Amino acid sequence: MRRQVVLLTLLVPWLATTAYAASLTGWVSDESCGAAHVKPGRESCVEKCLRGGASVGHPEWAPQRMVFVSEDGKTIWIVENADALKGLAGQHVAVDATLHSRTKSVRVRRLLPK
């Protein structure tokens, strides 16, 4: 029992620091292509990847998860609530979000003006 208390005492602060609020600017992309879609003109490709290949005659292509690619293109976050960015595939956006560093995921709270 004492070992569990010590473990929880150490673990709870560590878990609390893995999520934090931030404002981010970057691109909405898909998990498969990630940073390859941060150039103008790639929007339709991102939309297809998010839907999956069945819509373009390739049912073997599974739908991809939505990701947020940081402005520098080096960090890719899995978007937990993809509905918050629906209709913005391939677009450059600014968001207010909660980042989860352990899972490399982001929960978008709201879109920000650029």
N, C-alpha and C. Protein backbone atom coordinates (compact mmCIF):
# COMPACT_ATOMS: atom_id res chain seq x y z
N MET A 1 0.82 -1.19 0.00
CA MET A 1 0.00 0.00 0.00
C MET A 1 0.87 1.26 0.00
N ARG A 2 1.90 1.25 0.82
CA ARG A 2 2.76 2.42 0.90
C ARG A 2 3.45 2.68 -0.44
N ARG A 3 3.86 1.61 -1.13
CA ARG A 3 4.50 1.73 -2.44
C ARG A 3 3.54 2.38 -3.44
N GLN A 4 2.26 2.03 -3.39
CA GLN A 4 1.26 2.60 -4.28
C GLN A 4 1.08 4.09 -4.02
N VAL A 5 1.09 4.48 -2.77
CA VAL A 5 0.95 5.89 -2.42
C VAL A 5 2.14 6.68 -2.95
N VAL A 6 3.32 6.16 -2.80
CA VAL A 6 4.52 6.82 -3.30
C VAL A 6 4.47 6.93 -4.82
N LEU A 7 4.06 5.85 -5.48
CA LEU A 7 3.96 5.86 -6.93
C LEU A 7 2.94 6.89 -7.41
N LEU A 8 1.79 6.95 -6.78
CA LEU A 8 0.78 7.94 -7.15
C LEU A 8 1.26 9.36 -6.88
N THR A 9 1.98 9.56 -5.80
CA THR A 9 2.51 10.88 -5.48
C THR A 9 3.47 11.36 -6.57
N LEU A 10 4.23 10.45 -7.14
CA LEU A 10 5.15 10.80 -8.20
C LEU A 10 4.46 10.89 -9.57
N LEU A 11 3.48 10.06 -9.79
CA LEU A 11 2.84 9.95 -11.09
C LEU A 11 1.85 11.08 -11.36
N VAL A 12 1.06 11.50 -10.40
CA VAL A 12 0.03 12.50 -10.63
C VAL A 12 0.61 13.83 -11.12
N PRO A 13 1.63 14.40 -10.53
CA PRO A 13 2.18 15.65 -11.08
C PRO A 13 2.74 15.47 -12.49
N TRP A 14 3.33 14.31 -12.75
CA TRP A 14 3.89 14.06 -14.08
C TRP A 14 2.78 14.02 -15.12
N LEU A 15 1.67 13.34 -14.82
CA LEU A 15 0.55 13.28 -15.75
C LEU A 15 -0.08 14.66 -15.96
N ALA A 16 -0.12 15.45 -14.92
CA ALA A 16 -0.73 16.78 -15.02
C ALA A 16 0.06 17.69 -15.96
N THR A 17 1.34 17.48 -16.10
CA THR A 17 2.15 18.35 -16.94
C THR A 17 2.19 17.90 -18.40
N THR A 18 1.51 16.81 -18.74
CA THR A 18 1.55 16.34 -20.12
C THR A 18 0.53 17.05 -21.00
N ALA A 19 -0.42 17.78 -20.43
CA ALA A 19 -1.41 18.52 -21.20
C ALA A 19 -1.28 20.00 -20.86
N TYR A 20 -1.28 20.83 -21.89
CA TYR A 20 -1.19 22.27 -21.65
C TYR A 20 -1.84 23.03 -22.79
N ALA A 21 -2.32 24.23 -22.49
CA ALA A 21 -2.98 25.07 -23.47
C ALA A 21 -1.94 25.83 -24.29
N ALA A 22 -2.27 26.04 -25.57
CA ALA A 22 -1.36 26.77 -26.45
C ALA A 22 -2.13 27.30 -27.65
N SER A 23 -1.58 28.33 -28.26
CA SER A 23 -2.08 28.82 -29.54
C SER A 23 -1.10 28.34 -30.59
N LEU A 24 -1.62 27.72 -31.64
CA LEU A 24 -0.78 27.16 -32.70
C LEU A 24 -1.19 27.69 -34.06
N THR A 25 -0.23 27.77 -34.94
CA THR A 25 -0.49 28.10 -36.34
C THR A 25 0.13 27.00 -37.18
N GLY A 26 -0.65 26.50 -38.14
CA GLY A 26 -0.14 25.43 -38.99
C GLY A 26 -1.18 24.97 -39.98
N TRP A 27 -1.03 23.77 -40.49
CA TRP A 27 -1.88 23.23 -41.54
C TRP A 27 -2.66 22.02 -41.06
N VAL A 28 -3.86 21.88 -41.63
CA VAL A 28 -4.69 20.71 -41.39
C VAL A 28 -4.34 19.69 -42.46
N SER A 29 -3.92 18.51 -42.05
CA SER A 29 -3.50 17.48 -43.00
C SER A 29 -4.03 16.12 -42.55
N ASP A 30 -3.54 15.08 -43.19
CA ASP A 30 -3.92 13.72 -42.82
C ASP A 30 -2.69 12.98 -42.32
N GLU A 31 -2.92 11.95 -41.54
CA GLU A 31 -1.83 11.22 -40.89
C GLU A 31 -0.88 10.57 -41.88
N SER A 32 -1.38 10.11 -43.00
CA SER A 32 -0.54 9.42 -43.97
C SER A 32 0.49 10.34 -44.61
N CYS A 33 0.06 11.49 -45.02
CA CYS A 33 0.95 12.40 -45.75
C CYS A 33 1.54 13.50 -44.87
N GLY A 34 0.91 13.82 -43.78
CA GLY A 34 1.44 14.78 -42.82
C GLY A 34 1.95 16.08 -43.42
N ALA A 35 3.23 16.36 -43.25
CA ALA A 35 3.83 17.62 -43.69
C ALA A 35 3.95 17.74 -45.20
N ALA A 36 3.74 16.67 -45.95
CA ALA A 36 3.82 16.74 -47.41
C ALA A 36 2.68 17.56 -48.00
N HIS A 37 1.64 17.82 -47.20
CA HIS A 37 0.48 18.55 -47.70
C HIS A 37 0.41 20.00 -47.23
N VAL A 38 1.51 20.61 -46.93
CA VAL A 38 1.47 21.97 -46.40
C VAL A 38 1.69 23.03 -47.49
N LYS A 39 1.60 22.64 -48.73
CA LYS A 39 1.74 23.59 -49.83
C LYS A 39 0.38 23.83 -50.46
N PRO A 40 0.12 25.03 -50.96
CA PRO A 40 -1.16 25.30 -51.62
C PRO A 40 -1.39 24.32 -52.77
N GLY A 41 -2.67 23.98 -52.97
CA GLY A 41 -3.03 23.07 -54.04
C GLY A 41 -3.15 21.63 -53.60
N ARG A 42 -2.85 21.33 -52.35
CA ARG A 42 -2.91 19.94 -51.84
C ARG A 42 -4.21 19.65 -51.08
N GLU A 43 -5.12 20.63 -51.06
CA GLU A 43 -6.33 20.48 -50.27
C GLU A 43 -7.16 19.26 -50.68
N SER A 44 -7.33 19.04 -51.98
CA SER A 44 -8.17 17.92 -52.42
C SER A 44 -7.54 16.57 -52.05
N CYS A 45 -6.24 16.49 -52.07
CA CYS A 45 -5.55 15.26 -51.69
C CYS A 45 -5.78 14.97 -50.20
N VAL A 46 -5.71 16.00 -49.37
CA VAL A 46 -5.95 15.82 -47.94
C VAL A 46 -7.38 15.33 -47.73
N GLU A 47 -8.34 15.95 -48.40
CA GLU A 47 -9.74 15.54 -48.27
C GLU A 47 -9.92 14.07 -48.64
N LYS A 48 -9.30 13.64 -49.72
CA LYS A 48 -9.40 12.24 -50.16
C LYS A 48 -8.78 11.30 -49.12
N CYS A 49 -7.64 11.67 -48.60
CA CYS A 49 -6.98 10.82 -47.60
C CYS A 49 -7.81 10.71 -46.33
N LEU A 50 -8.44 11.82 -45.93
CA LEU A 50 -9.28 11.79 -44.73
C LEU A 50 -10.52 10.91 -44.93
N ARG A 51 -11.09 10.94 -46.13
CA ARG A 51 -12.28 10.12 -46.44
C ARG A 51 -11.92 8.65 -46.64
N GLY A 52 -10.75 8.39 -47.18
CA GLY A 52 -10.37 7.03 -47.54
C GLY A 52 -10.51 6.83 -49.04
N GLY A 53 -9.94 5.77 -49.54
CA GLY A 53 -9.87 5.55 -50.98
C GLY A 53 -11.13 5.05 -51.65
N ALA A 54 -12.10 4.59 -50.89
CA ALA A 54 -13.32 4.07 -51.51
C ALA A 54 -13.99 5.14 -52.36
N SER A 55 -13.88 6.39 -51.98
CA SER A 55 -14.53 7.48 -52.72
C SER A 55 -13.84 7.78 -54.05
N VAL A 56 -12.63 7.26 -54.25
CA VAL A 56 -11.91 7.49 -55.51
C VAL A 56 -11.53 6.17 -56.18
N GLY A 57 -12.25 5.11 -55.84
CA GLY A 57 -12.04 3.84 -56.51
C GLY A 57 -10.94 2.96 -55.94
N HIS A 58 -10.48 3.26 -54.74
CA HIS A 58 -9.45 2.45 -54.09
C HIS A 58 -9.90 2.08 -52.68
N PRO A 59 -10.80 1.09 -52.56
CA PRO A 59 -11.32 0.73 -51.24
C PRO A 59 -10.25 0.21 -50.28
N GLU A 60 -9.09 -0.17 -50.79
CA GLU A 60 -8.02 -0.67 -49.91
C GLU A 60 -7.34 0.45 -49.13
N TRP A 61 -7.53 1.70 -49.52
CA TRP A 61 -6.94 2.82 -48.80
C TRP A 61 -7.84 3.19 -47.62
N ALA A 62 -7.37 2.98 -46.43
CA ALA A 62 -8.16 3.27 -45.23
C ALA A 62 -8.23 4.77 -44.98
N PRO A 63 -9.35 5.25 -44.43
CA PRO A 63 -9.43 6.66 -44.05
C PRO A 63 -8.32 6.99 -43.05
N GLN A 64 -7.74 8.16 -43.19
CA GLN A 64 -6.65 8.58 -42.32
C GLN A 64 -7.16 9.52 -41.23
N ARG A 65 -6.45 9.54 -40.11
CA ARG A 65 -6.80 10.49 -39.05
C ARG A 65 -6.34 11.88 -39.45
N MET A 66 -7.07 12.88 -38.97
CA MET A 66 -6.69 14.27 -39.21
C MET A 66 -5.54 14.63 -38.29
N VAL A 67 -4.59 15.39 -38.82
CA VAL A 67 -3.46 15.87 -38.02
C VAL A 67 -3.31 17.37 -38.20
N PHE A 68 -2.62 17.98 -37.26
CA PHE A 68 -2.26 19.39 -37.32
C PHE A 68 -0.75 19.45 -37.46
N VAL A 69 -0.27 20.08 -38.54
CA VAL A 69 1.16 20.18 -38.80
C VAL A 69 1.61 21.58 -38.38
N SER A 70 2.55 21.67 -37.46
CA SER A 70 3.01 22.96 -36.97
C SER A 70 3.58 23.80 -38.11
N GLU A 71 3.57 25.09 -37.91
CA GLU A 71 4.02 26.01 -38.95
C GLU A 71 5.43 25.71 -39.44
N ASP A 72 6.30 25.25 -38.55
CA ASP A 72 7.66 24.91 -38.98
C ASP A 72 7.72 23.55 -39.67
N GLY A 73 6.60 22.82 -39.67
CA GLY A 73 6.53 21.52 -40.34
C GLY A 73 7.21 20.39 -39.62
N LYS A 74 7.69 20.64 -38.42
CA LYS A 74 8.45 19.62 -37.70
C LYS A 74 7.64 18.83 -36.69
N THR A 75 6.52 19.39 -36.25
CA THR A 75 5.71 18.71 -35.26
C THR A 75 4.35 18.38 -35.85
N ILE A 76 3.93 17.14 -35.70
CA ILE A 76 2.64 16.70 -36.21
C ILE A 76 1.83 16.19 -35.04
N TRP A 77 0.66 16.78 -34.83
CA TRP A 77 -0.23 16.45 -33.73
C TRP A 77 -1.47 15.76 -34.28
N ILE A 78 -1.90 14.67 -33.71
CA ILE A 78 -3.15 14.01 -34.09
C ILE A 78 -4.29 14.83 -33.50
N VAL A 79 -5.26 15.18 -34.33
CA VAL A 79 -6.40 15.99 -33.88
C VAL A 79 -7.43 15.08 -33.24
N GLU A 80 -7.67 15.26 -31.95
CA GLU A 80 -8.61 14.43 -31.20
C GLU A 80 -10.06 14.69 -31.60
N ASN A 81 -10.38 15.93 -31.90
CA ASN A 81 -11.75 16.31 -32.24
C ASN A 81 -11.78 16.89 -33.66
N ALA A 82 -11.67 16.01 -34.63
CA ALA A 82 -11.56 16.42 -36.04
C ALA A 82 -12.74 17.27 -36.51
N ASP A 83 -13.90 17.14 -35.89
CA ASP A 83 -15.05 17.96 -36.28
C ASP A 83 -14.77 19.46 -36.12
N ALA A 84 -13.89 19.80 -35.19
CA ALA A 84 -13.56 21.22 -34.97
C ALA A 84 -12.87 21.84 -36.17
N LEU A 85 -12.25 21.01 -37.02
CA LEU A 85 -11.53 21.51 -38.20
C LEU A 85 -12.16 21.01 -39.50
N LYS A 86 -13.38 20.51 -39.41
CA LYS A 86 -14.07 19.99 -40.59
C LYS A 86 -14.21 21.09 -41.64
N GLY A 87 -13.93 20.72 -42.88
CA GLY A 87 -14.02 21.67 -43.99
C GLY A 87 -12.76 22.50 -44.18
N LEU A 88 -11.73 22.26 -43.38
CA LEU A 88 -10.50 23.04 -43.46
C LEU A 88 -9.31 22.20 -43.93
N ALA A 89 -9.57 21.06 -44.56
CA ALA A 89 -8.51 20.16 -45.03
C ALA A 89 -7.53 20.91 -45.92
N GLY A 90 -6.26 20.81 -45.58
CA GLY A 90 -5.20 21.44 -46.38
C GLY A 90 -5.03 22.93 -46.13
N GLN A 91 -5.82 23.50 -45.25
CA GLN A 91 -5.79 24.94 -45.00
C GLN A 91 -4.78 25.31 -43.92
N HIS A 92 -4.31 26.54 -43.99
CA HIS A 92 -3.44 27.11 -42.97
C HIS A 92 -4.34 27.79 -41.95
N VAL A 93 -4.26 27.39 -40.69
CA VAL A 93 -5.16 27.90 -39.66
C VAL A 93 -4.40 28.23 -38.38
N ALA A 94 -5.06 29.00 -37.53
CA ALA A 94 -4.56 29.28 -36.19
C ALA A 94 -5.61 28.76 -35.22
N VAL A 95 -5.16 28.07 -34.18
CA VAL A 95 -6.09 27.47 -33.22
C VAL A 95 -5.65 27.72 -31.79
N ASP A 96 -6.63 27.73 -30.92
CA ASP A 96 -6.41 27.69 -29.48
C ASP A 96 -6.69 26.25 -29.11
N ALA A 97 -5.74 25.58 -28.48
CA ALA A 97 -5.86 24.14 -28.29
C ALA A 97 -5.24 23.67 -26.98
N THR A 98 -5.57 22.45 -26.64
CA THR A 98 -4.91 21.76 -25.53
C THR A 98 -4.02 20.69 -26.14
N LEU A 99 -2.73 20.77 -25.86
CA LEU A 99 -1.76 19.82 -26.38
C LEU A 99 -1.52 18.72 -25.35
N HIS A 100 -1.43 17.51 -25.84
CA HIS A 100 -1.13 16.35 -24.98
C HIS A 100 0.21 15.79 -25.46
N SER A 101 1.27 16.16 -24.79
CA SER A 101 2.61 15.80 -25.24
C SER A 101 2.88 14.30 -25.21
N ARG A 102 2.29 13.58 -24.27
CA ARG A 102 2.53 12.13 -24.20
C ARG A 102 1.95 11.39 -25.39
N THR A 103 0.78 11.82 -25.86
CA THR A 103 0.12 11.13 -26.98
C THR A 103 0.33 11.84 -28.31
N LYS A 104 1.04 12.95 -28.30
CA LYS A 104 1.27 13.76 -29.51
C LYS A 104 -0.07 14.09 -30.16
N SER A 105 -1.04 14.49 -29.33
CA SER A 105 -2.36 14.83 -29.85
C SER A 105 -2.76 16.22 -29.40
N VAL A 106 -3.76 16.76 -30.07
CA VAL A 106 -4.24 18.10 -29.79
C VAL A 106 -5.76 18.09 -29.79
N ARG A 107 -6.35 18.82 -28.86
CA ARG A 107 -7.80 19.03 -28.83
C ARG A 107 -8.02 20.51 -29.12
N VAL A 108 -8.65 20.79 -30.25
CA VAL A 108 -8.90 22.17 -30.67
C VAL A 108 -10.04 22.73 -29.85
N ARG A 109 -9.79 23.88 -29.21
CA ARG A 109 -10.84 24.54 -28.43
C ARG A 109 -11.60 25.54 -29.30
N ARG A 110 -10.85 26.26 -30.15
CA ARG A 110 -11.51 27.21 -31.06
C ARG A 110 -10.52 27.66 -32.12
N LEU A 111 -11.06 28.11 -33.24
CA LEU A 111 -10.24 28.70 -34.30
C LEU A 111 -9.93 30.13 -33.91
N LEU A 112 -8.75 30.59 -34.26
CA LEU A 112 -8.33 31.96 -34.00
C LEU A 112 -8.19 32.70 -35.33
N PRO A 113 -8.41 34.02 -35.30
CA PRO A 113 -8.17 34.79 -36.54
C PRO A 113 -6.67 34.81 -36.81
N LYS A 114 -6.32 34.77 -38.09
CA LYS A 114 -4.89 34.78 -38.46
C LYS A 114 -4.42 36.19 -38.66
